[in-house]
Protein backbone atom coordinates (compact mmCIF):
# COMPACT_ATOMS: atom_id res chain seq x y z
CA UNK A 1 32.74 -54.66 92.57
CA UNK A 2 34.35 -54.53 89.23
CA UNK A 3 35.73 -51.43 87.83
CA UNK A 4 35.07 -50.48 84.22
CA UNK A 5 37.74 -48.67 82.28
CA UNK A 6 37.31 -44.99 82.46
CA UNK A 7 36.72 -43.40 79.18
CA UNK A 8 35.36 -40.00 78.25
CA UNK A 9 32.72 -41.81 76.15
CA UNK A 10 31.58 -44.33 78.68
CA UNK A 11 28.26 -43.92 80.41
CA UNK A 12 27.66 -44.64 84.10
CA UNK A 13 25.55 -47.65 85.10
CA UNK A 14 25.77 -49.14 81.57
CA UNK A 15 22.84 -46.95 80.56
CA UNK A 16 24.06 -46.60 76.89
CA UNK A 17 24.31 -49.73 74.80
CA UNK A 18 26.25 -49.13 71.60
CA UNK A 19 24.84 -52.16 69.86
CA UNK A 20 21.22 -51.03 70.58
CA UNK A 21 22.02 -47.63 69.36
CA UNK A 22 23.52 -48.88 66.05
CA UNK A 23 20.46 -51.14 65.75
CA UNK A 24 18.21 -47.99 65.62
CA UNK A 25 20.40 -46.56 62.81
CA UNK A 26 21.65 -49.42 60.81
CA UNK A 27 22.64 -47.47 57.80
CA UNK A 28 24.16 -44.24 59.12
CA UNK A 29 25.87 -43.88 55.66
CA UNK A 30 22.46 -43.75 53.97
CA UNK A 31 21.20 -41.15 56.52
CA UNK A 32 24.14 -38.94 55.76
CA UNK A 33 23.49 -39.41 52.06
CA UNK A 34 19.85 -38.39 52.47
CA UNK A 35 20.97 -35.29 54.51
CA UNK A 36 23.45 -34.36 51.81
CA UNK A 37 20.74 -34.98 49.09
CA UNK A 38 18.31 -32.80 51.07
CA UNK A 39 20.93 -30.00 51.13
CA UNK A 40 21.67 -30.30 47.45
CA UNK A 41 17.94 -30.33 46.65
CA UNK A 42 17.43 -27.26 48.76
CA UNK A 43 20.26 -25.44 47.06
CA UNK A 44 19.00 -26.37 43.53
CA UNK A 45 15.53 -25.23 44.49
CA UNK A 46 16.76 -21.91 45.73
CA UNK A 47 18.86 -21.45 42.50
CA UNK A 48 15.81 -22.14 40.32
CA UNK A 49 13.70 -19.77 42.46
CA UNK A 50 16.34 -16.91 42.15
CA UNK A 51 16.60 -17.54 38.37
CA UNK A 52 12.81 -17.42 37.96
CA UNK A 53 12.56 -14.26 39.99
CA UNK A 54 15.25 -12.54 37.84
CA UNK A 55 13.40 -13.66 34.65
CA UNK A 56 10.13 -12.31 36.11
CA UNK A 57 11.79 -8.98 36.82
CA UNK A 58 13.25 -8.79 33.38
CA UNK A 59 9.79 -9.67 31.85
CA UNK A 60 7.99 -7.10 33.90
CA UNK A 61 10.52 -4.35 32.89
CA UNK A 62 10.09 -5.23 29.26
CA UNK A 63 6.33 -5.07 29.74
CA UNK A 64 6.56 -1.71 31.45
CA UNK A 65 8.84 -0.25 28.74
CA UNK A 66 6.35 -1.43 26.08
CA UNK A 67 3.49 0.12 27.99
CA UNK A 68 5.35 3.41 28.55
CA UNK A 69 6.19 3.67 24.77
CA UNK A 70 2.56 3.08 24.00
CA UNK A 71 1.52 5.76 26.33
CA UNK A 72 4.05 8.25 24.88
CA UNK A 73 3.00 7.48 21.34
CA UNK A 74 -0.68 7.96 22.31
CA UNK A 75 0.12 11.30 23.97
CA UNK A 76 1.82 12.49 20.79
CA UNK A 77 -1.11 11.39 18.72
CA UNK A 78 -3.55 13.14 21.13
CA UNK A 79 -1.52 16.34 20.92
CA UNK A 80 -1.81 16.24 17.12
CA UNK A 81 -5.54 15.38 17.09
CA UNK A 82 -7.57 17.86 15.11
CA UNK A 83 -10.97 17.27 16.73
CA UNK A 84 -12.66 15.72 19.71
CA UNK A 85 -13.68 12.76 17.57
CA UNK A 86 -10.15 12.12 16.52
CA UNK A 87 -9.04 12.33 20.15
CA UNK A 88 -11.69 9.89 21.27
CA UNK A 89 -10.73 7.42 18.52
CA UNK A 90 -7.02 7.70 19.54
CA UNK A 91 -7.97 7.23 23.23
CA UNK A 92 -10.18 4.24 22.43
CA UNK A 93 -7.40 2.61 20.49
CA UNK A 94 -5.04 3.22 23.35
CA UNK A 95 -7.34 1.67 25.86
CA UNK A 96 -7.83 -1.33 23.73
CA UNK A 97 -4.13 -1.87 23.00
CA UNK A 98 -3.19 -1.33 26.58
CA UNK A 99 -5.63 -3.85 27.79
CA UNK A 100 -4.35 -6.30 25.24
CA UNK A 101 -0.78 -5.50 26.25
CA UNK A 102 -1.54 -5.90 29.98
CA UNK A 103 -3.33 -9.28 29.32
CA UNK A 104 -0.36 -10.57 27.31
CA UNK A 105 2.10 -9.47 30.05
CA UNK A 106 -0.02 -11.10 32.69
CA UNK A 107 -0.14 -14.42 30.86
CA UNK A 108 3.61 -14.28 30.18
CA UNK A 109 4.20 -13.75 33.88
CA UNK A 110 1.79 -16.49 35.05
CA UNK A 111 3.54 -19.04 32.67
CA UNK A 112 6.90 -17.85 33.99
CA UNK A 113 5.86 -18.19 37.56
CA UNK A 114 4.31 -21.71 36.92
CA UNK A 115 7.57 -22.74 35.21
CA UNK A 116 9.63 -21.38 38.16
CA UNK A 117 7.48 -23.22 40.70
CA UNK A 118 7.88 -26.44 38.79
CA UNK A 119 11.63 -26.09 38.44
CA UNK A 120 12.01 -25.04 42.09
CA UNK A 121 10.05 -27.87 43.61
CA UNK A 122 11.26 -30.67 41.37
CA UNK A 123 14.62 -31.19 43.15
CA UNK A 124 12.77 -31.23 46.48
CA UNK A 125 10.20 -33.77 45.18
CA UNK A 126 13.00 -36.04 43.81
CA UNK A 127 14.73 -35.96 47.21
CA UNK A 128 11.39 -36.65 48.98
CA UNK A 129 10.88 -39.73 46.76
CA UNK A 130 14.43 -40.95 47.61
CA UNK A 131 13.69 -40.59 51.40
CA UNK A 132 10.46 -42.33 51.10
CA UNK A 133 12.01 -45.23 49.31
CA UNK A 134 14.78 -45.46 51.87
CA UNK A 135 12.20 -45.34 54.69
CA UNK A 136 10.31 -48.18 53.13
CA UNK A 137 13.49 -50.25 52.95
CA UNK A 138 14.36 -49.68 56.60
């Protein structure tokens, strides 16, 4: 019976074959590059998401400020109204301008969210294409 050299990395009964293992992973450097690329893509995606959410918050606050100033103006005009007809005209103008303001704000937000989604998913999509190409090669 021959004795193999004892090593902390040797496996009993020759169950582990290093050549076979390296055959399964011929390009370990490319695997680490893909993993690094995935982490970088994830980080870039997160940054784009955070920036988009900050922009959305600022846009919403600007919209709320505009809506509040419109409400305050309308309240002042209603207080100065001389008749019911004048008050109804002021109220009608307020409803119309508030509706238009809300519609404008919602369209701004939807465009902002769409841009954010595009920016957030583009690094991940690029990395997925790289991974698919390397999988085709292997």
